[in-house]
C-alpha cells in the first residue's frame, strides 16, 4: 500500500473525529479491497452510522486518488470490536 493512500485515509478519518486502527489493502489487482478499521475517541461503540459516515467521506476522497485504478475497489469500514 502506498504511503500516500494511507495518509489520505488517515487524514479523512481523523478529520471526522475517529481513530484509524488499521488499514489493509487486499483483494486482486483489478478489484482491490480496502479494509478500514475505526474506533471512536469517546470510548463508545462504533455504530453502523459511524461506519457509513466514514465510508462516504473516505470514498469521496479515494474516487480521485491515482492509487485506486479507475475507481474500482471495495471499501469496507468496520470496528475492531467486530473481531472480538
N, C-alpha and C. Protein backbone atom coordinates (compact mmCIF):
# COMPACT_ATOMS: atom_id res chain seq x y z
N UNK A 1 0.84 -1.17 0.00
CA UNK A 1 0.00 0.00 0.00
C UNK A 1 0.89 1.24 0.00
N UNK A 2 0.50 2.21 -0.76
CA UNK A 2 1.31 3.41 -0.82
C UNK A 2 1.09 4.26 0.42
N UNK A 3 2.14 4.94 0.81
CA UNK A 3 2.04 5.82 1.97
C UNK A 3 1.03 6.93 1.72
N UNK A 4 0.97 7.39 0.48
CA UNK A 4 0.02 8.45 0.13
C UNK A 4 -1.41 8.00 0.36
N UNK A 5 -1.74 6.79 -0.04
CA UNK A 5 -3.07 6.25 0.15
C UNK A 5 -3.40 6.17 1.64
N UNK A 6 -2.46 5.68 2.42
CA UNK A 6 -2.66 5.60 3.87
C UNK A 6 -2.86 6.99 4.47
N UNK A 7 -2.08 7.96 4.00
CA UNK A 7 -2.21 9.33 4.50
C UNK A 7 -3.58 9.92 4.19
N UNK A 8 -4.09 9.66 2.98
CA UNK A 8 -5.40 10.17 2.59
C UNK A 8 -6.48 9.60 3.50
N UNK A 9 -6.45 8.29 3.72
CA UNK A 9 -7.45 7.64 4.56
C UNK A 9 -7.33 8.13 6.00
N UNK A 10 -6.12 8.17 6.52
CA UNK A 10 -5.92 8.58 7.91
C UNK A 10 -6.37 10.02 8.13
N UNK A 11 -6.05 10.90 7.20
CA UNK A 11 -6.44 12.30 7.32
C UNK A 11 -7.95 12.45 7.33
N UNK A 12 -8.62 11.73 6.45
CA UNK A 12 -10.08 11.82 6.36
C UNK A 12 -10.74 11.26 7.62
N UNK A 13 -10.28 10.11 8.08
CA UNK A 13 -10.84 9.50 9.30
C UNK A 13 -10.62 10.43 10.50
N UNK A 14 -9.42 10.99 10.60
CA UNK A 14 -9.10 11.89 11.70
C UNK A 14 -9.96 13.15 11.66
N UNK A 15 -10.19 13.69 10.46
CA UNK A 15 -10.98 14.92 10.34
C UNK A 15 -12.43 14.71 10.78
N UNK A 16 -12.89 13.47 10.75
CA UNK A 16 -14.25 13.16 11.20
C UNK A 16 -14.32 12.85 12.69
N UNK A 17 -13.16 12.83 13.35
CA UNK A 17 -13.15 12.61 14.80
C UNK A 17 -13.02 11.16 15.22
N UNK A 18 -12.54 10.31 14.32
CA UNK A 18 -12.33 8.90 14.64
C UNK A 18 -10.84 8.58 14.59
N UNK A 19 -10.47 7.45 15.18
CA UNK A 19 -9.10 6.97 15.10
C UNK A 19 -9.03 5.85 14.08
N UNK A 20 -8.00 5.89 13.24
CA UNK A 20 -7.74 4.79 12.31
C UNK A 20 -6.98 3.73 13.06
N UNK A 21 -7.58 2.56 13.24
CA UNK A 21 -6.97 1.46 13.98
C UNK A 21 -6.13 0.60 13.04
N UNK A 22 -6.68 0.36 11.84
CA UNK A 22 -5.98 -0.49 10.88
C UNK A 22 -6.46 -0.17 9.47
N UNK A 23 -5.54 -0.25 8.53
CA UNK A 23 -5.86 -0.10 7.12
C UNK A 23 -5.14 -1.21 6.38
N UNK A 24 -5.92 -2.06 5.72
CA UNK A 24 -5.33 -3.16 4.95
C UNK A 24 -5.83 -3.08 3.52
N UNK A 25 -4.97 -3.40 2.61
CA UNK A 25 -5.34 -3.50 1.21
C UNK A 25 -5.10 -4.93 0.78
N UNK A 26 -6.15 -5.55 0.27
CA UNK A 26 -6.04 -6.93 -0.21
C UNK A 26 -6.98 -7.08 -1.39
N UNK A 27 -7.26 -8.26 -1.80
CA UNK A 27 -8.06 -8.49 -2.99
C UNK A 27 -7.15 -8.69 -4.19
N UNK A 28 -7.68 -8.43 -5.36
CA UNK A 28 -6.89 -8.60 -6.57
C UNK A 28 -6.47 -7.24 -7.12
N UNK A 29 -5.57 -7.27 -8.06
CA UNK A 29 -5.11 -6.01 -8.65
C UNK A 29 -6.26 -5.30 -9.36
N UNK A 30 -7.11 -6.04 -10.01
CA UNK A 30 -8.23 -5.46 -10.72
C UNK A 30 -9.39 -5.06 -9.83
N UNK A 31 -9.44 -5.61 -8.65
CA UNK A 31 -10.53 -5.32 -7.71
C UNK A 31 -9.98 -5.30 -6.28
N UNK A 32 -9.25 -4.23 -5.95
CA UNK A 32 -8.68 -4.15 -4.60
C UNK A 32 -9.75 -3.96 -3.54
N UNK A 33 -9.47 -4.46 -2.36
CA UNK A 33 -10.34 -4.29 -1.21
C UNK A 33 -9.58 -3.46 -0.18
N UNK A 34 -10.18 -2.36 0.24
CA UNK A 34 -9.59 -1.53 1.29
C UNK A 34 -10.39 -1.78 2.56
N UNK A 35 -9.75 -2.30 3.56
CA UNK A 35 -10.37 -2.63 4.83
C UNK A 35 -9.93 -1.59 5.85
N UNK A 36 -10.86 -0.73 6.25
CA UNK A 36 -10.59 0.37 7.16
C UNK A 36 -11.24 0.05 8.50
N UNK A 37 -10.44 0.00 9.54
CA UNK A 37 -10.97 -0.24 10.90
C UNK A 37 -10.87 1.05 11.69
N UNK A 38 -11.99 1.47 12.28
CA UNK A 38 -12.02 2.73 13.01
C UNK A 38 -12.45 2.50 14.46
N UNK A 39 -12.17 3.49 15.28
CA UNK A 39 -12.61 3.48 16.67
C UNK A 39 -13.05 4.88 17.03
N UNK A 40 -13.97 4.97 17.96
CA UNK A 40 -14.43 6.27 18.43
C UNK A 40 -13.51 6.77 19.53
N UNK A 41 -13.26 8.05 19.54
CA UNK A 41 -12.37 8.64 20.54
C UNK A 41 -13.04 8.78 21.91
N UNK A 42 -14.37 8.77 21.93
CA UNK A 42 -15.06 8.93 23.21
C UNK A 42 -15.26 7.61 23.95
N UNK A 43 -14.77 6.52 23.38
CA UNK A 43 -14.86 5.22 24.05
C UNK A 43 -16.16 4.48 23.79
N UNK A 44 -17.13 5.10 23.15
CA UNK A 44 -18.38 4.42 22.83
C UNK A 44 -18.16 3.44 21.68
N UNK A 45 -19.09 2.52 21.55
CA UNK A 45 -19.01 1.53 20.47
C UNK A 45 -19.24 2.22 19.12
N UNK A 46 -18.56 1.74 18.11
CA UNK A 46 -18.74 2.24 16.75
C UNK A 46 -20.06 1.71 16.22
N UNK A 47 -20.89 2.61 15.72
CA UNK A 47 -22.21 2.22 15.21
C UNK A 47 -22.16 2.07 13.69
N UNK A 48 -23.24 1.55 13.15
CA UNK A 48 -23.37 1.44 11.70
C UNK A 48 -23.35 2.84 11.10
N UNK A 49 -23.99 3.80 11.76
CA UNK A 49 -23.98 5.18 11.27
C UNK A 49 -22.57 5.76 11.23
N UNK A 50 -21.75 5.43 12.22
CA UNK A 50 -20.35 5.87 12.21
C UNK A 50 -19.62 5.30 10.99
N UNK A 51 -19.81 4.01 10.74
CA UNK A 51 -19.15 3.37 9.60
C UNK A 51 -19.62 3.97 8.29
N UNK A 52 -20.91 4.25 8.19
CA UNK A 52 -21.46 4.85 6.98
C UNK A 52 -20.87 6.23 6.74
N UNK A 53 -20.81 7.02 7.79
CA UNK A 53 -20.25 8.38 7.69
C UNK A 53 -18.80 8.34 7.19
N UNK A 54 -18.00 7.49 7.80
CA UNK A 54 -16.60 7.38 7.42
C UNK A 54 -16.48 6.81 6.00
N UNK A 55 -17.27 5.81 5.68
CA UNK A 55 -17.22 5.20 4.36
C UNK A 55 -17.50 6.23 3.27
N UNK A 56 -18.54 7.02 3.44
CA UNK A 56 -18.89 8.03 2.43
C UNK A 56 -17.80 9.08 2.27
N UNK A 57 -17.23 9.51 3.38
CA UNK A 57 -16.19 10.54 3.31
C UNK A 57 -14.91 10.00 2.67
N UNK A 58 -14.51 8.80 3.07
CA UNK A 58 -13.30 8.20 2.52
C UNK A 58 -13.50 7.89 1.04
N UNK A 59 -14.66 7.37 0.69
CA UNK A 59 -14.94 7.04 -0.71
C UNK A 59 -14.85 8.28 -1.60
N UNK A 60 -15.34 9.40 -1.11
CA UNK A 60 -15.28 10.64 -1.88
C UNK A 60 -13.84 11.05 -2.15
N UNK A 61 -12.98 10.88 -1.17
CA UNK A 61 -11.56 11.23 -1.34
C UNK A 61 -10.82 10.24 -2.22
N UNK A 62 -11.15 8.97 -2.10
CA UNK A 62 -10.43 7.94 -2.86
C UNK A 62 -10.84 7.90 -4.32
N UNK A 63 -12.02 8.38 -4.64
CA UNK A 63 -12.51 8.34 -6.00
C UNK A 63 -11.57 9.00 -6.99
N UNK A 64 -10.84 10.01 -6.54
CA UNK A 64 -9.92 10.74 -7.41
C UNK A 64 -8.47 10.34 -7.18
N UNK A 65 -8.23 9.37 -6.31
CA UNK A 65 -6.85 9.00 -5.96
C UNK A 65 -6.26 8.05 -6.99
N UNK A 66 -5.06 8.35 -7.50
CA UNK A 66 -4.46 7.50 -8.54
C UNK A 66 -4.09 6.08 -8.09
N UNK A 67 -3.99 5.84 -6.80
CA UNK A 67 -3.63 4.50 -6.31
C UNK A 67 -4.78 3.52 -6.48
N UNK A 68 -5.98 4.02 -6.72
CA UNK A 68 -7.14 3.16 -6.92
C UNK A 68 -7.53 3.27 -8.39
N UNK A 69 -7.08 2.33 -9.16
CA UNK A 69 -7.25 2.37 -10.62
C UNK A 69 -8.71 2.40 -11.02
N UNK A 70 -9.09 3.45 -11.73
CA UNK A 70 -10.42 3.54 -12.30
C UNK A 70 -11.55 3.59 -11.31
N UNK A 71 -11.27 3.81 -10.04
CA UNK A 71 -12.32 3.86 -9.05
C UNK A 71 -12.94 2.51 -8.73
N UNK A 72 -12.32 1.44 -9.20
CA UNK A 72 -12.85 0.10 -8.95
C UNK A 72 -12.20 -0.48 -7.70
N UNK A 73 -12.94 -0.51 -6.63
CA UNK A 73 -12.45 -1.05 -5.37
C UNK A 73 -13.63 -1.36 -4.48
N UNK A 74 -13.39 -2.13 -3.47
CA UNK A 74 -14.38 -2.41 -2.44
C UNK A 74 -13.86 -1.76 -1.17
N UNK A 75 -14.66 -0.90 -0.58
CA UNK A 75 -14.29 -0.23 0.66
C UNK A 75 -15.11 -0.82 1.79
N UNK A 76 -14.41 -1.33 2.80
CA UNK A 76 -15.06 -1.92 3.96
C UNK A 76 -14.64 -1.11 5.18
N UNK A 77 -15.60 -0.51 5.87
CA UNK A 77 -15.31 0.25 7.09
C UNK A 77 -15.99 -0.49 8.24
N UNK A 78 -15.20 -0.78 9.28
CA UNK A 78 -15.74 -1.51 10.41
C UNK A 78 -14.97 -1.13 11.67
N UNK A 79 -15.37 -1.76 12.75
CA UNK A 79 -14.75 -1.54 14.05
C UNK A 79 -13.93 -2.77 14.41
N UNK A 80 -12.80 -2.57 15.10
CA UNK A 80 -12.05 -3.74 15.54
C UNK A 80 -12.83 -4.59 16.53
N UNK A 81 -13.86 -4.03 17.14
CA UNK A 81 -14.69 -4.78 18.09
C UNK A 81 -15.43 -5.91 17.38
N UNK A 82 -15.61 -5.80 16.08
CA UNK A 82 -16.28 -6.84 15.31
C UNK A 82 -15.50 -8.15 15.31
N UNK A 83 -14.20 -8.07 15.62
CA UNK A 83 -13.38 -9.28 15.67
C UNK A 83 -13.39 -9.94 17.02
N UNK A 84 -13.90 -9.24 18.01
CA UNK A 84 -13.85 -9.77 19.37
C UNK A 84 -15.06 -10.59 19.69
